[in-house]
């Protein structure tokens, strides 16, 4: 459980150690129990329990009318969910892998994102789309992509991502309860990460739009989300050995972004590093850097630095370790904003 959440709720009761995937499973189970209008649909989510077993046991316990195996057609899955939402249901779709979401792109950005506004608020679209995303599992083509920026750019959609089991459980319940369409990006290489989960923490405790300060610091603000929060935390621990204090922020929400939390940190540290797995050009790192520069220009002691995937298609599995941001690349960016020797500018100014 996050420190922020713990302070807001007091001592946790009934916590148990769960993997991130199991935490999502328990969150889906609670949503199914709490509201009979919640239905799940996706490829292989029923009898198989999903390729990552995130929905394991749910069809057995809730039946085929509420946990439905869908044909291999993402546009049909999202289109069906839109029809269900018109009839008062709260559908939860699973896109099996990040790279499979593109056949449903039109349904998501041209229909789902627009219907509330198109009907002048008469129609709500309480649809959650679960998207396992990112690399690090040695998968084949179209199984390790990070397409979140496409959807964060689309007005009318909420885009969120979890980095730990407690947030996974709480945020999936928040997403399903939300009356807006939500894309819930799940960092697949963290599915097996374990952590304390208190299932009695109410989803209203910490807004899914709020960023979380994972580690406090005074020299550099390091912003990440999803699979790279753990890497950012490792970088903060490594930098501390050299006397550099890093404040790590987990965005949690990618649209809207909690700029107030990031701004408060940068006003304190004067330096900003942003990291994400997606390619750099046009990525969320660029938006964060631009927005924080506008808000904090007089406080910045160095230009913001981005540590991201490279601007190439996601590589074959044997090369993905070179593509993904890692500890060394994050520490190199920290050195850059600190004015120390680094790979981009060479010797620093001190």
Protein backbone atom coordinates (compact mmCIF):
# COMPACT_ATOMS: atom_id res chain seq x y z
CA UNK A 1 0.00 0.00 0.00
CA UNK A 2 1.30 3.48 -0.86
CA UNK A 3 2.39 5.83 1.92
CA UNK A 4 -0.09 8.46 0.74
CA UNK A 5 -2.96 5.98 0.82
CA UNK A 6 -1.90 4.67 4.23
CA UNK A 7 -1.87 8.16 5.73
CA UNK A 8 -5.30 8.87 4.29
CA UNK A 9 -6.90 5.72 5.63
CA UNK A 10 -5.01 4.89 8.82
CA UNK A 11 -3.62 1.45 9.62
CA UNK A 12 -4.57 -1.15 7.03
CA UNK A 13 -6.82 -3.95 8.19
CA UNK A 14 -7.14 -7.28 6.51
CA UNK A 15 -4.23 -6.74 4.14
CA UNK A 16 -2.86 -9.68 2.20
CA UNK A 17 0.02 -10.23 -0.16
CA UNK A 18 -1.22 -10.39 -3.76
CA UNK A 19 0.40 -10.19 -7.15
CA UNK A 20 -0.64 -7.25 -9.29
CA UNK A 21 -2.63 -9.56 -11.58
CA UNK A 22 -4.44 -11.15 -8.64
CA UNK A 23 -5.16 -7.69 -7.24
CA UNK A 24 -6.93 -6.78 -10.49
CA UNK A 25 -8.79 -10.09 -10.32
CA UNK A 26 -10.06 -9.31 -6.81
CA UNK A 27 -11.02 -5.80 -7.92
CA UNK A 28 -13.04 -7.19 -10.82
CA UNK A 29 -14.67 -9.69 -8.47
CA UNK A 30 -15.72 -6.94 -6.08
CA UNK A 31 -17.16 -4.90 -8.94
CA UNK A 32 -19.16 -7.90 -10.18
CA UNK A 33 -20.46 -8.54 -6.67
CA UNK A 34 -21.37 -4.92 -5.99
CA UNK A 35 -23.25 -4.17 -9.24
CA UNK A 36 -25.19 -6.68 -11.32
CA UNK A 37 -24.87 -4.36 -14.32
CA UNK A 38 -21.11 -4.96 -14.49
CA UNK A 39 -20.23 -7.41 -17.28
CA UNK A 40 -16.87 -8.55 -18.61
CA UNK A 41 -16.09 -9.40 -22.22
CA UNK A 42 -12.93 -10.24 -24.11
CA UNK A 43 -10.95 -12.89 -25.91
CA UNK A 44 -10.35 -16.01 -23.78
CA UNK A 45 -11.29 -14.27 -20.52
CA UNK A 46 -13.87 -16.88 -19.52
CA UNK A 47 -12.92 -20.54 -19.39
CA UNK A 48 -9.21 -19.82 -19.85
CA UNK A 49 -9.18 -16.88 -17.44
CA UNK A 50 -7.27 -14.69 -19.89
CA UNK A 51 -3.79 -15.22 -21.30
CA UNK A 52 -2.34 -13.80 -18.07
CA UNK A 53 -5.06 -15.46 -15.93
CA UNK A 54 -6.23 -12.07 -14.66
CA UNK A 55 -9.89 -13.14 -14.94
CA UNK A 56 -9.30 -16.65 -13.62
CA UNK A 57 -12.36 -18.12 -11.91
CA UNK A 58 -14.72 -15.23 -12.65
CA UNK A 59 -16.81 -16.99 -15.32
CA UNK A 60 -17.09 -20.04 -13.09
CA UNK A 61 -18.46 -17.93 -10.24
CA UNK A 62 -20.57 -15.38 -12.14
CA UNK A 63 -21.63 -17.29 -15.25
CA UNK A 64 -21.29 -16.85 -18.98
CA UNK A 65 -23.82 -14.02 -19.15
CA UNK A 66 -21.60 -11.77 -17.05
CA UNK A 67 -18.11 -12.97 -18.05
CA UNK A 68 -18.26 -13.51 -21.78
CA UNK A 69 -15.72 -14.99 -24.18
CA UNK A 70 -15.71 -12.82 -27.31
CA UNK A 71 -14.67 -13.61 -30.89
CA UNK A 72 -11.26 -12.46 -32.07
CA UNK A 73 -12.35 -8.97 -33.07
CA UNK A 74 -11.48 -5.94 -30.97
CA UNK A 75 -13.75 -3.59 -32.92
CA UNK A 76 -16.64 -5.94 -32.20
CA UNK A 77 -15.76 -6.14 -28.51
CA UNK A 78 -15.75 -2.37 -28.05
CA UNK A 79 -18.78 -1.92 -30.33
CA UNK A 80 -20.73 -4.46 -28.29
CA UNK A 81 -19.69 -2.69 -25.08
CA UNK A 82 -21.03 0.60 -26.44
CA UNK A 83 -24.37 -1.07 -27.14
CA UNK A 84 -24.43 -2.55 -23.64
CA UNK A 85 -23.69 0.85 -22.12
CA UNK A 86 -26.65 2.32 -24.01
CA UNK A 87 -28.79 -0.30 -22.25
CA UNK A 88 -27.54 0.62 -18.78
CA UNK A 89 -24.72 -1.89 -18.30
CA UNK A 90 -21.17 -1.16 -17.15
CA UNK A 91 -19.01 -3.24 -19.52
CA UNK A 92 -15.37 -4.08 -18.86
CA UNK A 93 -13.52 -5.03 -22.04
CA UNK A 94 -10.17 -6.76 -22.18
CA UNK A 95 -7.85 -6.11 -25.10
CA UNK A 96 -5.60 -9.14 -24.92
CA UNK A 97 -2.37 -7.30 -25.79
CA UNK A 98 -1.54 -3.62 -26.32
CA UNK A 99 -0.78 -4.05 -30.03
CA UNK A 100 -4.21 -5.58 -30.62
CA UNK A 101 -6.08 -2.38 -29.73
CA UNK A 102 -5.72 -0.74 -33.13
CA UNK A 103 -8.64 -2.56 -34.83
CA UNK A 104 -10.84 -0.90 -32.19
CA UNK A 105 -9.28 2.54 -32.61
CA UNK A 106 -12.20 3.97 -34.55
CA UNK A 107 -14.76 2.70 -32.06
CA UNK A 108 -12.77 4.18 -29.17
CA UNK A 109 -11.74 7.61 -30.47
CA UNK A 110 -14.57 8.37 -32.93
CA UNK A 111 -17.52 6.83 -31.07
CA UNK A 112 -16.87 6.00 -27.41
CA UNK A 113 -15.02 9.23 -26.63
CA UNK A 114 -17.65 11.40 -28.32
CA UNK A 115 -21.05 10.00 -27.35
CA UNK A 116 -21.48 11.88 -24.05
CA UNK A 117 -20.78 15.20 -25.78
CA UNK A 118 -22.66 14.28 -28.96
CA UNK A 119 -25.83 13.70 -26.90
CA UNK A 120 -25.39 16.86 -24.82
CA UNK A 121 -24.84 14.74 -21.72
CA UNK A 122 -27.94 12.59 -22.16
CA UNK A 123 -25.87 9.42 -22.64
CA UNK A 124 -23.01 8.25 -20.45
CA UNK A 125 -20.50 5.61 -21.47
CA UNK A 126 -19.34 3.82 -18.28
CA UNK A 127 -17.00 1.49 -20.16
CA UNK A 128 -13.62 0.30 -18.90
CA UNK A 129 -11.11 -1.04 -21.41
CA UNK A 130 -8.33 -3.10 -19.85
CA UNK A 131 -5.07 -3.01 -21.82
CA UNK A 132 -2.00 -5.05 -20.78
CA UNK A 133 0.86 -2.90 -22.09
CA UNK A 134 4.61 -2.45 -22.23
CA UNK A 135 7.60 -4.70 -22.69
CA UNK A 136 9.91 -6.79 -20.61
CA UNK A 137 8.33 -10.22 -21.11
CA UNK A 138 10.28 -11.38 -24.18
CA UNK A 139 7.19 -11.45 -26.39
CA UNK A 140 6.81 -11.38 -30.15
CA UNK A 141 5.71 -8.48 -32.36
CA UNK A 142 2.61 -6.47 -31.28
CA UNK A 143 2.80 -7.82 -27.72
CA UNK A 144 5.00 -5.19 -26.03
CA UNK A 145 3.82 -1.78 -27.20
CA UNK A 146 2.90 1.34 -25.24
CA UNK A 147 0.08 3.11 -27.13
CA UNK A 148 -1.15 5.26 -24.24
CA UNK A 149 -0.34 8.62 -25.89
CA UNK A 150 -2.85 8.02 -28.69
CA UNK A 151 -5.65 7.85 -26.16
CA UNK A 152 -4.38 10.51 -23.75
CA UNK A 153 -4.53 12.84 -26.78
CA UNK A 154 -8.23 12.03 -27.28
CA UNK A 155 -10.65 14.29 -25.42
CA UNK A 156 -13.50 12.41 -23.77
CA UNK A 157 -11.39 9.50 -22.50
CA UNK A 158 -9.80 8.95 -19.12
CA UNK A 159 -6.48 7.11 -19.23
CA UNK A 160 -4.99 5.57 -16.09
CA UNK A 161 -2.31 3.04 -15.18
CA UNK A 162 -1.27 1.25 -12.01
CA UNK A 163 2.22 0.40 -10.76
CA UNK A 164 1.57 -1.70 -7.66
CA UNK A 165 -0.98 -4.26 -6.41
CA UNK A 166 -2.86 -1.89 -4.08
CA UNK A 167 -3.44 0.65 -6.85
CA UNK A 168 -4.31 -2.15 -9.28
CA UNK A 169 -7.12 -3.33 -7.01
CA UNK A 170 -8.44 0.10 -6.08
CA UNK A 171 -8.11 1.78 -9.46
CA UNK A 172 -9.88 -0.96 -11.44
CA UNK A 173 -12.84 -0.56 -9.10
CA UNK A 174 -12.70 3.22 -9.50
CA UNK A 175 -12.58 2.88 -13.28
CA UNK A 176 -15.61 0.59 -13.39
CA UNK A 177 -17.58 2.91 -11.08
CA UNK A 178 -16.76 5.95 -13.24
CA UNK A 179 -19.47 7.13 -15.65
CA UNK A 180 -16.86 8.12 -18.24
CA UNK A 181 -14.99 5.76 -20.58
CA UNK A 182 -11.70 4.71 -18.98
CA UNK A 183 -8.68 3.03 -20.53
CA UNK A 184 -6.96 1.05 -17.79
CA UNK A 185 -3.39 0.25 -18.82
CA UNK A 186 -1.90 -2.70 -16.94
CA UNK A 187 1.94 -3.05 -16.88
CA UNK A 188 2.22 -6.67 -17.91
CA UNK A 189 5.82 -7.17 -16.78
CA UNK A 190 4.70 -6.23 -13.26
CA UNK A 191 1.81 -8.73 -13.17
CA UNK A 192 3.85 -11.00 -10.88
CA UNK A 193 5.00 -8.24 -8.50
CA UNK A 194 3.65 -8.84 -4.99
CA UNK A 195 2.51 -6.28 -2.46
CA UNK A 196 0.10 -5.64 0.38
CA UNK A 197 -3.51 -5.16 -0.70
CA UNK A 198 -6.28 -4.00 1.59
CA UNK A 199 -9.52 -4.78 -0.20
CA UNK A 200 -11.50 -2.73 2.30
CA UNK A 201 -9.95 0.55 1.22
CA UNK A 202 -12.79 2.38 -0.45
CA UNK A 203 -12.24 3.45 -4.06
CA UNK A 204 -13.15 7.02 -3.03
CA UNK A 205 -10.15 7.28 -0.68
CA UNK A 206 -7.61 8.43 -3.27
CA UNK A 207 -8.85 9.74 -6.61
CA UNK A 208 -7.64 7.82 -9.63
CA UNK A 209 -6.75 11.24 -11.08
CA UNK A 210 -4.22 11.92 -8.31
CA UNK A 211 -0.50 11.35 -8.64
CA UNK A 212 1.36 9.68 -5.78
CA UNK A 213 4.67 10.73 -4.25
CA UNK A 214 6.43 7.39 -3.92
CA UNK A 215 9.69 8.69 -2.41
CA UNK A 216 10.35 12.20 -1.11
CA UNK A 217 13.45 14.06 -2.27
CA UNK A 218 14.96 17.51 -2.63
CA UNK A 219 17.37 17.57 -5.61
CA UNK A 220 15.55 16.06 -8.62
CA UNK A 221 11.94 15.22 -9.47
CA UNK A 222 11.67 11.90 -11.31
CA UNK A 223 8.25 11.29 -12.89
CA UNK A 224 7.17 7.89 -14.18
CA UNK A 225 4.17 5.65 -14.43
CA UNK A 226 3.19 2.01 -14.76
CA UNK A 227 6.10 -0.39 -15.25
CA UNK A 228 8.83 2.22 -14.71
CA UNK A 229 7.85 3.37 -11.23
CA UNK A 230 9.82 0.49 -9.74
CA UNK A 231 12.82 1.37 -11.93
CA UNK A 232 12.55 5.02 -10.87
CA UNK A 233 12.51 3.98 -7.21
CA UNK A 234 15.63 1.88 -7.76
CA UNK A 235 17.30 4.90 -9.34
CA UNK A 236 16.43 7.04 -6.33
CA UNK A 237 18.00 4.51 -3.98
CA UNK A 238 21.14 4.28 -6.13
CA UNK A 239 21.46 8.07 -6.39
CA UNK A 240 21.14 8.42 -2.61
CA UNK A 241 24.42 6.52 -2.28
CA UNK A 242 26.05 9.40 -4.15
CA UNK A 243 24.34 12.08 -2.10
CA UNK A 244 21.61 12.96 -4.63
CA UNK A 245 18.05 13.12 -3.27
CA UNK A 246 15.39 12.15 -5.83
CA UNK A 247 11.66 12.64 -5.41
CA UNK A 248 9.81 9.88 -7.31
CA UNK A 249 6.28 10.58 -8.55
CA UNK A 250 3.91 7.94 -9.90
CA UNK A 251 1.49 9.76 -12.23
CA UNK A 252 -1.23 7.06 -12.04
CA UNK A 253 -3.48 9.15 -14.31
CA UNK A 254 -2.25 9.96 -17.83
CA UNK A 255 -5.35 11.90 -18.83
CA UNK A 256 -6.00 14.08 -17.00
CA UNK A 257 -2.52 14.52 -15.50
CA UNK A 258 -2.15 15.76 -11.94
CA UNK A 259 0.17 18.63 -12.82
CA UNK A 260 -0.29 20.25 -9.40
CA UNK A 261 1.62 17.44 -7.67
CA UNK A 262 4.42 17.51 -10.25
CA UNK A 263 4.59 21.30 -10.14
CA UNK A 264 4.87 21.38 -6.34
CA UNK A 265 7.76 18.92 -6.52
CA UNK A 266 9.64 20.78 -9.27
CA UNK A 267 9.26 24.09 -7.45
CA UNK A 268 11.09 22.37 -4.58
CA UNK A 269 13.79 20.50 -6.53
CA UNK A 270 14.31 22.75 -9.56
CA UNK A 271 15.01 19.74 -11.80
CA UNK A 272 12.81 17.31 -13.72
CA UNK A 273 13.36 13.91 -15.34
CA UNK A 274 10.47 12.07 -17.01
CA UNK A 275 10.51 8.43 -18.06
CA UNK A 276 8.22 6.13 -20.05
CA UNK A 277 8.61 3.03 -22.20
CA UNK A 278 6.87 4.50 -25.24
CA UNK A 279 8.89 6.17 -28.00
CA UNK A 280 10.04 9.70 -27.22
CA UNK A 281 8.62 11.75 -30.12
CA UNK A 282 5.10 12.96 -29.33
CA UNK A 283 5.05 11.01 -26.09
CA UNK A 284 3.64 12.00 -22.72
CA UNK A 285 7.12 13.03 -21.61
CA UNK A 286 7.02 15.90 -24.09
CA UNK A 287 3.67 17.14 -22.77
CA UNK A 288 4.85 16.94 -19.16
CA UNK A 289 8.11 18.74 -19.95
CA UNK A 290 6.31 21.52 -21.83
CA UNK A 291 3.57 21.98 -19.24
CA UNK A 292 5.95 22.03 -16.28
CA UNK A 293 8.28 24.42 -18.07
CA UNK A 294 5.33 26.79 -18.57
CA UNK A 295 4.34 26.47 -14.91
CA UNK A 296 7.81 26.42 -13.33
CA UNK A 297 10.15 28.25 -15.71
CA UNK A 298 11.57 30.53 -13.02
CA UNK A 299 12.22 27.57 -10.72
CA UNK A 300 14.01 25.28 -13.18
CA UNK A 301 17.78 25.03 -12.80
CA UNK A 302 18.14 22.80 -15.89
CA UNK A 303 16.13 21.79 -18.92
CA UNK A 304 13.80 18.82 -18.25
CA UNK A 305 15.21 15.48 -19.42
CA UNK A 306 13.34 12.54 -20.95
CA UNK A 307 14.31 8.87 -20.69
CA UNK A 308 12.14 6.82 -23.03
CA UNK A 309 12.00 4.08 -25.59
CA UNK A 310 13.70 4.88 -28.89
CA UNK A 311 11.90 6.15 -31.99
CA UNK A 312 11.83 2.77 -33.74
CA UNK A 313 9.24 -0.02 -33.82
CA UNK A 314 9.45 -2.18 -30.70
CA UNK A 315 12.37 -4.55 -31.29
CA UNK A 316 12.68 -8.32 -31.18
CA UNK A 317 12.79 -9.84 -27.71
CA UNK A 318 16.57 -10.29 -27.69
CA UNK A 319 17.01 -6.52 -28.10
CA UNK A 320 14.32 -5.20 -25.80
CA UNK A 321 16.71 -4.66 -22.89
CA UNK A 322 18.48 -2.07 -25.07
CA UNK A 323 15.17 -0.37 -25.89
CA UNK A 324 13.62 -0.13 -22.42
CA UNK A 325 14.69 2.64 -20.02
CA UNK A 326 16.84 1.16 -17.28
CA UNK A 327 18.67 2.17 -14.13
CA UNK A 328 21.78 3.40 -15.93
CA UNK A 329 19.85 5.58 -18.38
CA UNK A 330 17.81 7.13 -15.57
CA UNK A 331 20.90 7.90 -13.51
CA UNK A 332 22.58 9.37 -16.59
CA UNK A 333 19.62 11.77 -17.02
CA UNK A 334 19.83 12.68 -13.34
CA UNK A 335 23.50 13.54 -13.85
CA UNK A 336 22.50 15.67 -16.86
CA UNK A 337 20.02 17.81 -14.93
CA UNK A 338 22.47 18.02 -12.03
CA UNK A 339 25.12 19.42 -14.37
CA UNK A 340 27.41 16.43 -13.97
CA UNK A 341 29.21 14.37 -16.58
CA UNK A 342 26.74 12.44 -18.73
CA UNK A 343 26.43 10.65 -22.06
CA UNK A 344 24.58 13.46 -23.85
CA UNK A 345 26.60 16.57 -23.04
CA UNK A 346 29.86 15.04 -21.81
CA UNK A 347 31.47 16.89 -18.94
CA UNK A 348 29.08 18.89 -16.82
CA UNK A 349 29.45 22.41 -15.52
CA UNK A 350 30.80 21.33 -12.14
